[in-house]
Amino acid sequence: MERQKSRILQDCIYVRQDYSAKTAMQFASKITVRKQARNEEVTANAKSVLSVLGACIKSGDEIEVICEGSDETSALAEMIRIIEDGLGE
């Protein structure tokens, strides 16, 4: 299992979440996004736009991307890259 934290720099809107989900779907690994929200931990399936939108991830949030599977190293590297590049903005 590979994991890394990153900070969301862009506002959370549908187009950007769709971009991240399409990127995540290119990998065989299970890709989960996790953030701490108030007193609870929120997780989302990065391959599902609705799951990520439901997590209410917004600009300034620190998230953890967790990749588990045969291509986890490359999946993590690409997910962190697109997040840090502004999710296609």
C-alpha atoms as a PDB file:
ATOM      1  CA  MET A   1       0.000   0.000   0.000  1.00  0.00           C
ATOM      2  CA  GLU A   2       1.271   3.447  -0.981  1.00  0.00           C
ATOM      3  CA  ARG A   3       0.010   6.699   0.555  1.00  0.00           C
ATOM      4  CA  GLN A   4       0.842  10.383   0.493  1.00  0.00           C
ATOM      5  CA  LYS A   5      -0.718  13.626   1.719  1.00  0.00           C
ATOM      6  CA  SER A   6      -1.377  16.637  -0.473  1.00  0.00           C
ATOM      7  CA  ARG A   7      -3.275  19.931  -0.199  1.00  0.00           C
ATOM      8  CA  ILE A   8      -6.100  20.889  -2.565  1.00  0.00           C
ATOM      9  CA  LEU A   9      -5.268  24.229  -4.152  1.00  0.00           C
ATOM     10  CA  GLN A  10      -8.292  24.665  -6.442  1.00  0.00           C
ATOM     11  CA  ASP A  11     -11.982  24.962  -5.616  1.00  0.00           C
ATOM     12  CA  CYS A  12     -13.919  21.710  -5.754  1.00  0.00           C
ATOM     13  CA  ILE A  13     -16.277  21.694  -8.747  1.00  0.00           C
ATOM     14  CA  TYR A  14     -17.687  18.863 -10.826  1.00  0.00           C
ATOM     15  CA  VAL A  15     -15.349  19.232 -13.825  1.00  0.00           C
ATOM     16  CA  ARG A  16     -12.234  18.931 -11.664  1.00  0.00           C
ATOM     17  CA  GLN A  17     -13.619  15.936  -9.787  1.00  0.00           C
ATOM     18  CA  ASP A  18     -14.522  14.295 -13.088  1.00  0.00           C
ATOM     19  CA  TYR A  19     -10.923  14.861 -14.243  1.00  0.00           C
ATOM     20  CA  SER A  20      -9.532  13.162 -11.127  1.00  0.00           C
ATOM     21  CA  ALA A  21     -11.972  10.237 -11.420  1.00  0.00           C
ATOM     22  CA  LYS A  22     -11.083   9.696 -15.080  1.00  0.00           C
ATOM     23  CA  THR A  23      -7.403   9.691 -14.156  1.00  0.00           C
ATOM     24  CA  ALA A  24      -7.976   7.255 -11.278  1.00  0.00           C
ATOM     25  CA  MET A  25      -9.913   4.874 -13.539  1.00  0.00           C
ATOM     26  CA  GLN A  26      -6.817   4.397 -15.689  1.00  0.00           C
ATOM     27  CA  PHE A  27      -5.258   2.320 -12.894  1.00  0.00           C
ATOM     28  CA  ALA A  28      -6.083  -1.153 -11.644  1.00  0.00           C
ATOM     29  CA  SER A  29      -5.336  -0.189  -8.037  1.00  0.00           C
ATOM     30  CA  LYS A  30      -7.997   0.732  -5.524  1.00  0.00           C
ATOM     31  CA  ILE A  31      -7.568   4.493  -4.973  1.00  0.00           C
ATOM     32  CA  THR A  32      -9.040   6.114  -1.881  1.00  0.00           C
ATOM     33  CA  VAL A  33      -9.013   9.753  -0.827  1.00  0.00           C
ATOM     34  CA  ARG A  34      -9.175  10.467   2.905  1.00  0.00           C
ATOM     35  CA  LYS A  35      -9.599  13.734   4.801  1.00  0.00           C
ATOM     36  CA  GLN A  36     -10.195  14.685   8.403  1.00  0.00           C
ATOM     37  CA  ALA A  37     -13.479  16.583   8.782  1.00  0.00           C
ATOM     38  CA  ARG A  38     -14.207  18.070  12.187  1.00  0.00           C
ATOM     39  CA  ASN A  39     -14.442  15.031  14.451  1.00  0.00           C
ATOM     40  CA  GLU A  40     -14.639  12.347  11.801  1.00  0.00           C
ATOM     41  CA  GLU A  41     -12.590  10.879   9.009  1.00  0.00           C
ATOM     42  CA  VAL A  42     -14.158  11.000   5.537  1.00  0.00           C
ATOM     43  CA  THR A  43     -13.098   8.581   2.803  1.00  0.00           C
ATOM     44  CA  ALA A  44     -14.036   8.518  -0.868  1.00  0.00           C
ATOM     45  CA  ASN A  45     -13.463   6.196  -3.804  1.00  0.00           C
ATOM     46  CA  ALA A  46     -11.319   8.328  -6.152  1.00  0.00           C
ATOM     47  CA  LYS A  47     -12.782   6.506  -9.167  1.00  0.00           C
ATOM     48  CA  SER A  48     -16.291   7.760  -8.354  1.00  0.00           C
ATOM     49  CA  VAL A  49     -17.187  11.400  -9.007  1.00  0.00           C
ATOM     50  CA  LEU A  50     -20.180  11.154  -6.672  1.00  0.00           C
ATOM     51  CA  SER A  51     -18.102   9.637  -3.883  1.00  0.00           C
ATOM     52  CA  VAL A  52     -15.499  12.419  -4.104  1.00  0.00           C
ATOM     53  CA  LEU A  53     -18.176  15.121  -4.310  1.00  0.00           C
ATOM     54  CA  GLY A  54     -19.878  13.562  -1.281  1.00  0.00           C
ATOM     55  CA  ALA A  55     -16.661  13.939   0.701  1.00  0.00           C
ATOM     56  CA  CYS A  56     -16.960  17.741   0.247  1.00  0.00           C
ATOM     57  CA  ILE A  57     -13.266  18.187  -0.494  1.00  0.00           C
ATOM     58  CA  LYS A  58     -12.583  21.861  -1.063  1.00  0.00           C
ATOM     59  CA  SER A  59      -9.747  24.283  -1.652  1.00  0.00           C
ATOM     60  CA  GLY A  60      -7.270  24.286   1.243  1.00  0.00           C
ATOM     61  CA  ASP A  61      -8.173  20.808   2.528  1.00  0.00           C
ATOM     62  CA  GLU A  62      -5.343  18.411   3.250  1.00  0.00           C
ATOM     63  CA  ILE A  63      -6.140  14.981   1.865  1.00  0.00           C
ATOM     64  CA  GLU A  64      -4.394  11.643   1.899  1.00  0.00           C
ATOM     65  CA  VAL A  65      -4.379   9.551  -1.273  1.00  0.00           C
ATOM     66  CA  ILE A  66      -4.113   5.800  -0.655  1.00  0.00           C
ATOM     67  CA  CYS A  67      -3.415   3.398  -3.519  1.00  0.00           C
ATOM     68  CA  GLU A  68      -3.556  -0.357  -3.146  1.00  0.00           C
ATOM     69  CA  GLY A  69      -2.851  -2.791  -5.964  1.00  0.00           C
ATOM     70  CA  SER A  70      -0.529  -3.903  -8.723  1.00  0.00           C
ATOM     71  CA  ASP A  71       0.185  -0.401 -10.049  1.00  0.00           C
ATOM     72  CA  GLU A  72      -0.071   1.493  -6.749  1.00  0.00           C
ATOM     73  CA  THR A  73       3.248   3.347  -7.073  1.00  0.00           C
ATOM     74  CA  SER A  74       2.461   4.817 -10.487  1.00  0.00           C
ATOM     75  CA  ALA A  75      -1.166   5.470  -9.494  1.00  0.00           C
ATOM     76  CA  LEU A  76      -0.091   7.422  -6.412  1.00  0.00           C
ATOM     77  CA  ALA A  77       2.479   9.434  -8.337  1.00  0.00           C
ATOM     78  CA  GLU A  78      -0.070  10.404 -11.004  1.00  0.00           C
ATOM     79  CA  MET A  79      -2.846  11.257  -8.532  1.00  0.00           C
ATOM     80  CA  ILE A  80      -0.513  13.481  -6.493  1.00  0.00           C
ATOM     81  CA  ARG A  81       0.751  15.108  -9.703  1.00  0.00           C
ATOM     82  CA  ILE A  82      -2.727  16.038 -10.935  1.00  0.00           C
ATOM     83  CA  ILE A  83      -3.760  17.321  -7.510  1.00  0.00           C
ATOM     84  CA  GLU A  84      -0.670  19.480  -7.186  1.00  0.00           C
ATOM     85  CA  ASP A  85      -1.129  20.695 -10.797  1.00  0.00           C
ATOM     86  CA  GLY A  86      -4.666  21.918 -10.000  1.00  0.00           C
ATOM     87  CA  LEU A  87      -6.795  18.991 -11.241  1.00  0.00           C
ATOM     88  CA  GLY A  88      -6.702  19.985 -14.887  1.00  0.00           C
ATOM     89  CA  GLU A  89      -7.293  23.677 -14.248  1.00  0.00           C
END
